[in-house]
Protein backbone atom coordinates (compact mmCIF):
# COMPACT_ATOMS: atom_id res chain seq x y z
CA MET A 1 37.05 -18.37 -4.93
CA GLU A 2 38.47 -20.57 -3.33
CA LEU A 3 37.93 -22.07 0.71
CA SER A 4 40.16 -24.83 1.68
CA GLY A 5 41.31 -26.20 4.96
CA ARG A 6 44.59 -28.52 4.60
CA SER A 7 44.92 -29.19 8.52
CA LYS A 8 43.85 -32.08 9.82
CA ASP A 9 41.11 -30.95 11.52
CA HIS A 10 40.09 -28.74 8.24
CA LEU A 11 40.30 -25.56 9.49
CA ILE A 12 40.26 -22.74 7.00
CA ASP A 13 43.92 -21.34 6.46
CA ARG A 14 43.50 -20.45 2.51
CA ILE A 15 41.15 -18.04 1.08
CA THR A 16 42.37 -17.46 -2.75
CA LEU A 17 40.93 -15.67 -5.56
CA SER A 18 41.75 -16.89 -8.69
CA TYR A 19 41.37 -15.88 -12.41
CA ASN A 20 41.79 -17.80 -15.49
CA THR A 21 42.75 -20.85 -13.68
CA SER A 22 42.13 -24.68 -14.95
CA SER A 23 41.97 -26.14 -12.10
CA ALA A 24 40.66 -23.61 -8.92
CA LEU A 25 41.62 -26.71 -6.25
CA ASN A 26 45.40 -27.24 -7.26
CA LEU A 27 47.28 -25.54 -4.00
CA ASN A 28 49.91 -24.77 -6.51
CA ASN A 29 47.73 -21.88 -8.24
CA GLU A 30 49.75 -18.58 -8.16
CA GLU A 31 47.74 -15.88 -6.83
CA THR A 32 45.79 -13.26 -9.36
CA VAL A 33 46.54 -9.71 -8.90
CA CYS A 34 43.15 -7.86 -8.55
CA THR A 35 43.58 -5.09 -10.90
CA GLN A 36 40.42 -3.96 -12.24
CA GLY A 37 36.63 -4.13 -10.94
CA THR A 38 34.71 -3.22 -8.08
CA LEU A 39 34.23 -5.29 -4.93
CA SER A 40 31.32 -2.89 -3.51
CA VAL A 41 27.58 -3.07 -1.91
CA ASN A 42 27.02 0.13 -3.76
CA THR A 43 28.19 0.56 -7.16
CA ASN A 44 24.98 1.04 -9.13
CA ASN A 45 24.73 4.80 -7.81
CA PRO A 46 26.29 7.09 -10.07
CA ASN A 47 25.70 10.30 -7.73
CA ARG A 48 27.60 8.63 -4.16
CA LYS A 49 30.24 11.94 -4.62
CA ASN A 50 27.40 14.08 -4.73
CA ALA A 51 25.93 11.84 -1.76
CA ILE A 52 27.64 11.84 1.28
CA ILE A 53 26.09 12.27 4.48
CA LYS A 54 28.31 13.63 7.29
CA LEU A 55 27.00 13.23 11.05
CA PHE A 56 28.82 15.21 14.28
CA PRO A 57 29.28 14.76 16.99
CA ASN A 58 29.93 11.17 16.60
CA PRO A 59 29.74 9.73 18.95
CA VAL A 60 26.44 11.77 20.18
CA GLU A 61 24.79 12.28 23.59
CA HIS A 62 22.11 14.71 22.47
CA ILE A 63 21.52 16.39 19.18
CA LEU A 64 23.18 14.87 15.76
CA THR A 65 23.73 17.38 13.41
CA ILE A 66 23.35 15.89 10.17
CA GLU A 67 24.65 17.17 7.12
CA LEU A 68 23.34 16.44 3.57
CA PRO A 69 24.41 17.66 0.39
CA GLN A 70 21.83 19.85 -1.75
CA THR A 71 20.38 17.08 -3.98
CA LEU A 72 19.25 15.35 -0.77
CA ILE A 73 17.09 17.96 0.61
CA GLU A 74 13.71 17.91 1.13
CA GLU A 75 13.93 13.89 1.49
CA HIS A 76 13.75 12.23 4.66
CA ILE A 77 15.86 10.24 6.82
CA LEU A 78 14.92 7.15 9.08
CA ILE A 79 17.42 6.04 12.16
CA TYR A 80 17.69 2.29 12.35
CA ASP A 81 18.77 0.48 15.16
CA LEU A 82 21.36 -2.41 14.65
CA LYS A 83 18.39 -5.09 14.83
CA GLY A 84 16.90 -3.08 11.54
CA LEU A 85 14.12 -1.22 13.39
CA SER A 86 13.15 2.38 12.56
CA VAL A 87 13.62 4.15 15.78
CA SER A 88 13.11 7.11 14.45
CA LYS A 89 11.92 9.86 11.34
CA ALA A 90 12.73 13.37 9.89
CA ASN A 91 12.32 15.15 7.14
CA ILE A 92 15.24 17.13 5.82
CA THR A 93 15.11 20.70 5.20
CA ASP A 94 17.90 22.41 4.99
CA ILE A 95 21.33 21.24 4.31
CA ASN A 96 22.77 20.99 8.21
CA ASN A 97 19.75 18.86 10.38
CA LYS A 98 19.47 18.54 14.03
CA ILE A 99 18.02 15.73 15.32
CA ASP A 100 17.30 14.94 18.94
CA VAL A 101 18.53 11.84 19.79
CA SER A 102 18.84 11.93 23.85
CA LYS A 103 16.13 9.62 24.11
CA LEU A 104 17.99 6.53 22.03
CA ASN A 105 19.43 3.88 24.31
CA SER A 106 22.90 4.02 24.27
CA GLY A 107 24.56 2.09 20.67
CA PHE A 108 24.85 2.08 17.29
CA TYR A 109 22.69 3.24 14.97
CA VAL A 110 22.08 3.76 11.15
CA VAL A 111 20.92 6.82 9.41
CA ARG A 112 19.84 6.13 5.89
CA THR A 113 18.08 8.97 3.18
CA GLY A 114 15.24 8.32 1.04
CA ARG A 115 18.18 7.65 -1.64
CA ASN A 116 19.45 4.79 -0.08
CA GLN A 117 22.57 6.72 1.50
CA SER A 118 23.41 5.58 4.97
CA LYS A 119 25.94 6.30 7.99
CA ILE A 120 26.80 4.94 11.16
CA PHE A 121 26.66 6.40 14.52
CA ILE A 122 27.23 5.89 18.18
CA LYS A 123 25.07 7.57 20.50
CA LYS A 124 26.37 7.91 24.44
């Protein structure tokens, strides 16, 4: 990966990902088309398709419905604020779970399951 500042004040004006180049600093290198591989923060979960969390309504004012696949029932969920502080915990007993979020302050929150599946919601 190359970050280059070619201007007088060294502001970054080019970011290039190169593949099979002898000189990554050569600004005449052609850009490489990325057709293989994956760039992700969560690629090691083979059940990712089966572990989708659905939240509604979003934004929510009082009651948040959390819809989880059958594989995540009998788990727990944690709700975190954007500072990373846990603000609520609930046990999952059904595919559709209703959580009272009316006491939370307005803002963005993250729902995370015990298997590290997560989704963001907005509290009005």
